[in-house]
Amino acid sequence: MAIGIRYVVWLLMIPACGILGLVMATYRVVAEFQKKIVAESIMFAFGVTAIITFSYGFLQRFVGTPDLSYFYVWPIMGMAWLVGTMIARYRYR
């Protein structure tokens, strides 16, 4: 990949900061009950992602499993967040 294209791709990541700002602004205006569900689902996603990534890291280090890209972490966290949201909503229905 040419060096110029790399900088263009990197600059395209700047709007991601705006997305984070939108998510935070939305979180500030939702009801307390919804904040509780979101917080629990994020905590669940964080824990699941930590367990999976650390476990795979140990497997890479001590067993020799192949290296994976860091791009796999977000899908793991996203799916865990979805599952955590479903669990929290079921729990409070």
Protein backbone atom coordinates (compact mmCIF):
# COMPACT_ATOMS: atom_id res chain seq x y z
CA MET A 1 0.00 0.00 0.00
CA ALA A 2 1.42 3.39 -0.93
CA ILE A 3 2.40 5.68 1.92
CA GLY A 4 -0.03 8.41 0.81
CA ILE A 5 -2.95 6.01 0.88
CA ARG A 6 -2.01 4.93 4.40
CA TYR A 7 -2.28 8.52 5.61
CA VAL A 8 -5.66 8.95 3.91
CA VAL A 9 -6.96 5.78 5.57
CA TRP A 10 -5.61 6.97 8.92
CA LEU A 11 -7.30 10.36 8.49
CA LEU A 12 -10.59 8.62 7.79
CA MET A 13 -10.44 7.25 11.34
CA ILE A 14 -10.80 10.75 12.81
CA PRO A 15 -14.62 10.75 12.40
CA ALA A 16 -14.67 7.75 14.76
CA CYS A 17 -14.01 10.25 17.55
CA GLY A 18 -17.24 11.99 16.56
CA ILE A 19 -19.11 8.72 16.78
CA LEU A 20 -17.80 8.25 20.31
CA GLY A 21 -19.04 11.73 21.17
CA LEU A 22 -22.50 10.92 19.79
CA VAL A 23 -22.68 7.71 21.82
CA MET A 24 -21.69 9.55 25.00
CA ALA A 25 -24.23 12.32 24.35
CA THR A 26 -26.97 9.76 23.78
CA TYR A 27 -26.04 7.92 26.98
CA ARG A 28 -26.36 11.14 28.98
CA VAL A 29 -30.00 11.68 28.00
CA VAL A 30 -31.43 8.17 28.41
CA ALA A 31 -33.39 7.11 31.50
CA GLU A 32 -31.65 5.73 34.58
CA PHE A 33 -33.05 2.26 34.04
CA GLN A 34 -31.66 2.14 30.49
CA LYS A 35 -28.29 3.37 31.81
CA LYS A 36 -28.28 0.45 34.23
CA ILE A 37 -28.90 -2.03 31.40
CA VAL A 38 -26.20 -0.45 29.23
CA ALA A 39 -23.68 -0.41 32.09
CA GLU A 40 -24.31 -4.06 32.94
CA SER A 41 -24.05 -5.14 29.32
CA ILE A 42 -20.77 -3.24 28.83
CA MET A 43 -19.34 -4.76 32.01
CA PHE A 44 -20.34 -8.20 30.77
CA ALA A 45 -18.77 -7.53 27.36
CA PHE A 46 -15.56 -6.26 28.96
CA GLY A 47 -15.26 -9.37 31.13
CA VAL A 48 -16.00 -11.83 28.32
CA THR A 49 -13.59 -10.06 25.96
CA ALA A 50 -10.87 -10.03 28.61
CA ILE A 51 -11.30 -13.73 29.32
CA ILE A 52 -11.26 -14.71 25.64
CA THR A 53 -8.33 -12.49 24.61
CA PHE A 54 -6.16 -13.35 27.61
CA SER A 55 -6.91 -17.04 27.20
CA TYR A 56 -5.98 -16.93 23.53
CA GLY A 57 -2.86 -14.93 24.42
CA PHE A 58 -1.78 -17.68 26.80
CA LEU A 59 -2.50 -20.27 24.10
CA GLN A 60 -0.31 -18.31 21.68
CA ARG A 61 2.48 -18.01 24.21
CA PHE A 62 2.55 -21.50 25.65
CA VAL A 63 0.83 -23.80 23.12
CA GLY A 64 1.78 -22.15 19.86
CA THR A 65 -1.59 -21.29 18.37
CA PRO A 66 -1.36 -18.90 15.40
CA ASP A 67 -1.25 -15.15 15.88
CA LEU A 68 -4.50 -13.29 15.26
CA SER A 69 -5.00 -9.68 14.27
CA TYR A 70 -6.28 -7.18 16.81
CA PHE A 71 -9.21 -6.62 14.46
CA TYR A 72 -10.81 -9.70 16.02
CA VAL A 73 -11.17 -8.02 19.42
CA TRP A 74 -13.98 -5.63 18.41
CA PRO A 75 -16.25 -8.34 16.94
CA ILE A 76 -15.77 -10.37 20.13
CA MET A 77 -16.64 -7.36 22.26
CA GLY A 78 -19.57 -6.41 20.04
CA MET A 79 -21.10 -9.88 20.21
CA ALA A 80 -20.51 -10.05 23.98
CA TRP A 81 -22.17 -6.64 24.34
CA LEU A 82 -25.17 -7.87 22.38
CA VAL A 83 -25.44 -10.99 24.54
CA GLY A 84 -24.99 -8.90 27.69
CA THR A 85 -27.78 -6.57 26.60
CA MET A 86 -30.07 -9.50 25.93
CA ILE A 87 -29.30 -10.99 29.35
CA ALA A 88 -29.86 -7.67 31.14
CA ARG A 89 -33.13 -7.00 29.32
CA TYR A 90 -34.37 -10.51 30.08
CA ARG A 91 -33.40 -10.11 33.71
CA TYR A 92 -35.33 -6.84 34.14
CA ARG A 93 -38.43 -7.63 32.10
